[in-house]
Amino acid sequence: MDDNLHSPQRRLIELRMAHADLDDVIDRVNPAETLLKPDDLSLRRLKKRRLLLKDEIARLEMALQPPEPA
């Protein structure tokens, strides 16, 4: 059971969920759609975190996929 909690597949699911959550937050504070001016620094940090998550997801996906024969 503990192996399943720490499996790469589970980590991938968690990363995708975190990425989707950040997408939602960033969309909600989009300056074009709100009357309040969002904090630019906070928005940049959210976008940077989302990009880091996307990179980590890509690395994990590459590690989980077997190499294709030539």
N, C-alpha and C. Protein backbone atom coordinates (compact mmCIF):
# COMPACT_ATOMS: atom_id res chain seq x y z
N MET A 1 0.82 -1.20 0.00
CA MET A 1 0.00 0.00 0.00
C MET A 1 0.87 1.27 0.00
N ASP A 2 1.94 1.26 0.82
CA ASP A 2 2.81 2.43 0.86
C ASP A 2 3.52 2.66 -0.46
N ASP A 3 3.80 1.57 -1.18
CA ASP A 3 4.45 1.72 -2.49
C ASP A 3 3.57 2.50 -3.44
N ASN A 4 2.27 2.28 -3.37
CA ASN A 4 1.33 2.97 -4.24
C ASN A 4 1.27 4.47 -3.91
N LEU A 5 1.45 4.82 -2.64
CA LEU A 5 1.40 6.23 -2.24
C LEU A 5 2.59 7.01 -2.77
N HIS A 6 3.69 6.33 -3.03
CA HIS A 6 4.90 7.00 -3.48
C HIS A 6 5.30 6.61 -4.90
N SER A 7 4.36 6.07 -5.64
CA SER A 7 4.68 5.63 -7.00
C SER A 7 4.83 6.84 -7.93
N PRO A 8 5.63 6.69 -8.98
CA PRO A 8 5.79 7.77 -9.95
C PRO A 8 4.47 8.15 -10.62
N GLN A 9 3.60 7.15 -10.84
CA GLN A 9 2.32 7.45 -11.47
C GLN A 9 1.47 8.35 -10.57
N ARG A 10 1.49 8.07 -9.27
CA ARG A 10 0.73 8.91 -8.33
C ARG A 10 1.31 10.32 -8.28
N ARG A 11 2.64 10.41 -8.28
CA ARG A 11 3.30 11.72 -8.27
C ARG A 11 2.91 12.51 -9.52
N LEU A 12 2.84 11.82 -10.65
CA LEU A 12 2.45 12.48 -11.90
C LEU A 12 1.03 13.02 -11.80
N ILE A 13 0.13 12.25 -11.23
CA ILE A 13 -1.25 12.70 -11.05
C ILE A 13 -1.30 13.92 -10.13
N GLU A 14 -0.54 13.88 -9.05
CA GLU A 14 -0.52 15.01 -8.12
C GLU A 14 0.03 16.27 -8.77
N LEU A 15 1.08 16.11 -9.58
CA LEU A 15 1.66 17.26 -10.28
C LEU A 15 0.66 17.85 -11.28
N ARG A 16 -0.04 16.98 -12.00
CA ARG A 16 -1.03 17.48 -12.97
C ARG A 16 -2.16 18.21 -12.26
N MET A 17 -2.57 17.72 -11.10
CA MET A 17 -3.63 18.40 -10.34
C MET A 17 -3.14 19.75 -9.84
N ALA A 18 -1.91 19.82 -9.35
CA ALA A 18 -1.36 21.10 -8.89
C ALA A 18 -1.25 22.09 -10.05
N HIS A 19 -0.85 21.59 -11.22
CA HIS A 19 -0.74 22.45 -12.40
C HIS A 19 -2.13 22.99 -12.80
N ALA A 20 -3.13 22.14 -12.77
CA ALA A 20 -4.49 22.57 -13.11
C ALA A 20 -5.01 23.58 -12.09
N ASP A 21 -4.69 23.38 -10.82
CA ASP A 21 -5.09 24.34 -9.79
C ASP A 21 -4.46 25.70 -10.03
N LEU A 22 -3.18 25.70 -10.38
CA LEU A 22 -2.50 26.97 -10.67
C LEU A 22 -3.09 27.64 -11.91
N ASP A 23 -3.42 26.85 -12.92
CA ASP A 23 -4.09 27.40 -14.10
C ASP A 23 -5.36 28.14 -13.70
N ASP A 24 -6.13 27.52 -12.83
CA ASP A 24 -7.38 28.11 -12.38
C ASP A 24 -7.13 29.41 -11.62
N VAL A 25 -6.17 29.42 -10.73
CA VAL A 25 -5.85 30.62 -9.95
C VAL A 25 -5.38 31.74 -10.86
N ILE A 26 -4.49 31.41 -11.79
CA ILE A 26 -3.96 32.42 -12.71
C ILE A 26 -5.07 32.99 -13.58
N ASP A 27 -5.98 32.14 -14.05
CA ASP A 27 -7.10 32.62 -14.85
C ASP A 27 -8.00 33.56 -14.05
N ARG A 28 -8.15 33.28 -12.77
CA ARG A 28 -9.01 34.13 -11.93
C ARG A 28 -8.42 35.49 -11.65
N VAL A 29 -7.11 35.59 -11.63
CA VAL A 29 -6.48 36.88 -11.37
C VAL A 29 -5.97 37.55 -12.64
N ASN A 30 -6.43 37.08 -13.77
CA ASN A 30 -6.07 37.67 -15.05
C ASN A 30 -6.49 39.13 -15.05
N PRO A 31 -5.55 40.05 -15.24
CA PRO A 31 -5.88 41.48 -15.15
C PRO A 31 -6.94 41.94 -16.16
N ALA A 32 -7.08 41.26 -17.27
CA ALA A 32 -8.06 41.66 -18.28
C ALA A 32 -9.48 41.34 -17.83
N GLU A 33 -9.63 40.43 -16.87
CA GLU A 33 -10.96 39.98 -16.49
C GLU A 33 -11.39 40.42 -15.10
N THR A 34 -10.56 41.16 -14.40
CA THR A 34 -10.93 41.58 -13.05
C THR A 34 -10.90 43.10 -12.94
N LEU A 35 -11.66 43.60 -11.99
CA LEU A 35 -11.66 45.03 -11.72
C LEU A 35 -10.49 45.42 -10.83
N LEU A 36 -10.01 44.47 -10.03
CA LEU A 36 -8.89 44.73 -9.14
C LEU A 36 -7.58 44.46 -9.87
N LYS A 37 -6.60 45.29 -9.64
CA LYS A 37 -5.29 45.08 -10.25
C LYS A 37 -4.54 44.04 -9.42
N PRO A 38 -4.25 42.90 -10.02
CA PRO A 38 -3.53 41.87 -9.26
C PRO A 38 -2.09 42.30 -9.02
N ASP A 39 -1.50 41.76 -7.99
CA ASP A 39 -0.11 42.01 -7.67
C ASP A 39 0.75 41.35 -8.74
N ASP A 40 1.48 42.14 -9.51
CA ASP A 40 2.27 41.61 -10.61
C ASP A 40 3.31 40.59 -10.15
N LEU A 41 3.95 40.87 -9.02
CA LEU A 41 4.96 39.95 -8.52
C LEU A 41 4.34 38.60 -8.16
N SER A 42 3.21 38.62 -7.51
CA SER A 42 2.53 37.37 -7.15
C SER A 42 2.11 36.60 -8.39
N LEU A 43 1.61 37.30 -9.38
CA LEU A 43 1.19 36.66 -10.62
C LEU A 43 2.39 36.03 -11.34
N ARG A 44 3.52 36.74 -11.36
CA ARG A 44 4.73 36.18 -11.97
C ARG A 44 5.21 34.95 -11.22
N ARG A 45 5.11 34.97 -9.91
CA ARG A 45 5.52 33.81 -9.11
C ARG A 45 4.62 32.62 -9.38
N LEU A 46 3.32 32.86 -9.50
CA LEU A 46 2.39 31.78 -9.82
C LEU A 46 2.70 31.17 -11.18
N LYS A 47 2.97 32.02 -12.15
CA LYS A 47 3.28 31.54 -13.50
C LYS A 47 4.60 30.77 -13.53
N LYS A 48 5.58 31.23 -12.75
CA LYS A 48 6.86 30.53 -12.68
C LYS A 48 6.68 29.16 -12.03
N ARG A 49 5.88 29.11 -10.97
CA ARG A 49 5.62 27.83 -10.30
C ARG A 49 4.90 26.87 -11.26
N ARG A 50 3.95 27.40 -12.03
CA ARG A 50 3.23 26.57 -13.00
C ARG A 50 4.20 26.01 -14.05
N LEU A 51 5.13 26.83 -14.50
CA LEU A 51 6.11 26.38 -15.49
C LEU A 51 7.02 25.31 -14.90
N LEU A 52 7.44 25.48 -13.65
CA LEU A 52 8.26 24.47 -13.00
C LEU A 52 7.52 23.15 -12.88
N LEU A 53 6.23 23.23 -12.55
CA LEU A 53 5.42 22.02 -12.48
C LEU A 53 5.33 21.34 -13.84
N LYS A 54 5.14 22.14 -14.88
CA LYS A 54 5.05 21.59 -16.23
C LYS A 54 6.34 20.89 -16.61
N ASP A 55 7.48 21.48 -16.27
CA ASP A 55 8.77 20.86 -16.55
C ASP A 55 8.94 19.56 -15.77
N GLU A 56 8.53 19.57 -14.51
CA GLU A 56 8.65 18.36 -13.70
C GLU A 56 7.73 17.25 -14.24
N ILE A 57 6.55 17.63 -14.70
CA ILE A 57 5.63 16.65 -15.30
C ILE A 57 6.27 16.05 -16.55
N ALA A 58 6.88 16.88 -17.39
CA ALA A 58 7.51 16.39 -18.62
C ALA A 58 8.66 15.43 -18.30
N ARG A 59 9.48 15.77 -17.30
CA ARG A 59 10.59 14.90 -16.92
C ARG A 59 10.08 13.55 -16.42
N LEU A 60 9.05 13.59 -15.60
CA LEU A 60 8.50 12.35 -15.05
C LEU A 60 7.87 11.50 -16.15
N GLU A 61 7.17 12.14 -17.08
CA GLU A 61 6.58 11.40 -18.20
C GLU A 61 7.66 10.73 -19.04
N MET A 62 8.75 11.43 -19.27
CA MET A 62 9.86 10.85 -20.05
C MET A 62 10.47 9.66 -19.31
N ALA A 63 10.57 9.76 -18.01
CA ALA A 63 11.15 8.67 -17.21
C ALA A 63 10.23 7.45 -17.20
N LEU A 64 8.93 7.67 -17.26
CA LEU A 64 7.97 6.57 -17.20
C LEU A 64 7.78 5.88 -18.55
N GLN A 65 8.05 6.58 -19.63
CA GLN A 65 7.86 6.00 -20.96
C GLN A 65 9.10 5.21 -21.35
N PRO A 66 8.90 3.99 -21.80
CA PRO A 66 10.07 3.22 -22.25
C PRO A 66 10.60 3.83 -23.55
N PRO A 67 11.89 3.74 -23.76
CA PRO A 67 12.45 4.29 -25.01
C PRO A 67 11.93 3.52 -26.21
N GLU A 68 11.67 4.26 -27.27
CA GLU A 68 11.16 3.63 -28.49
C GLU A 68 12.33 3.04 -29.28
N PRO A 69 12.11 1.87 -29.86
CA PRO A 69 13.18 1.29 -30.67
C PRO A 69 13.40 2.12 -31.94
N ALA A 70 14.62 2.14 -32.39
CA ALA A 70 14.98 2.94 -33.56
C ALA A 70 14.42 2.36 -34.84
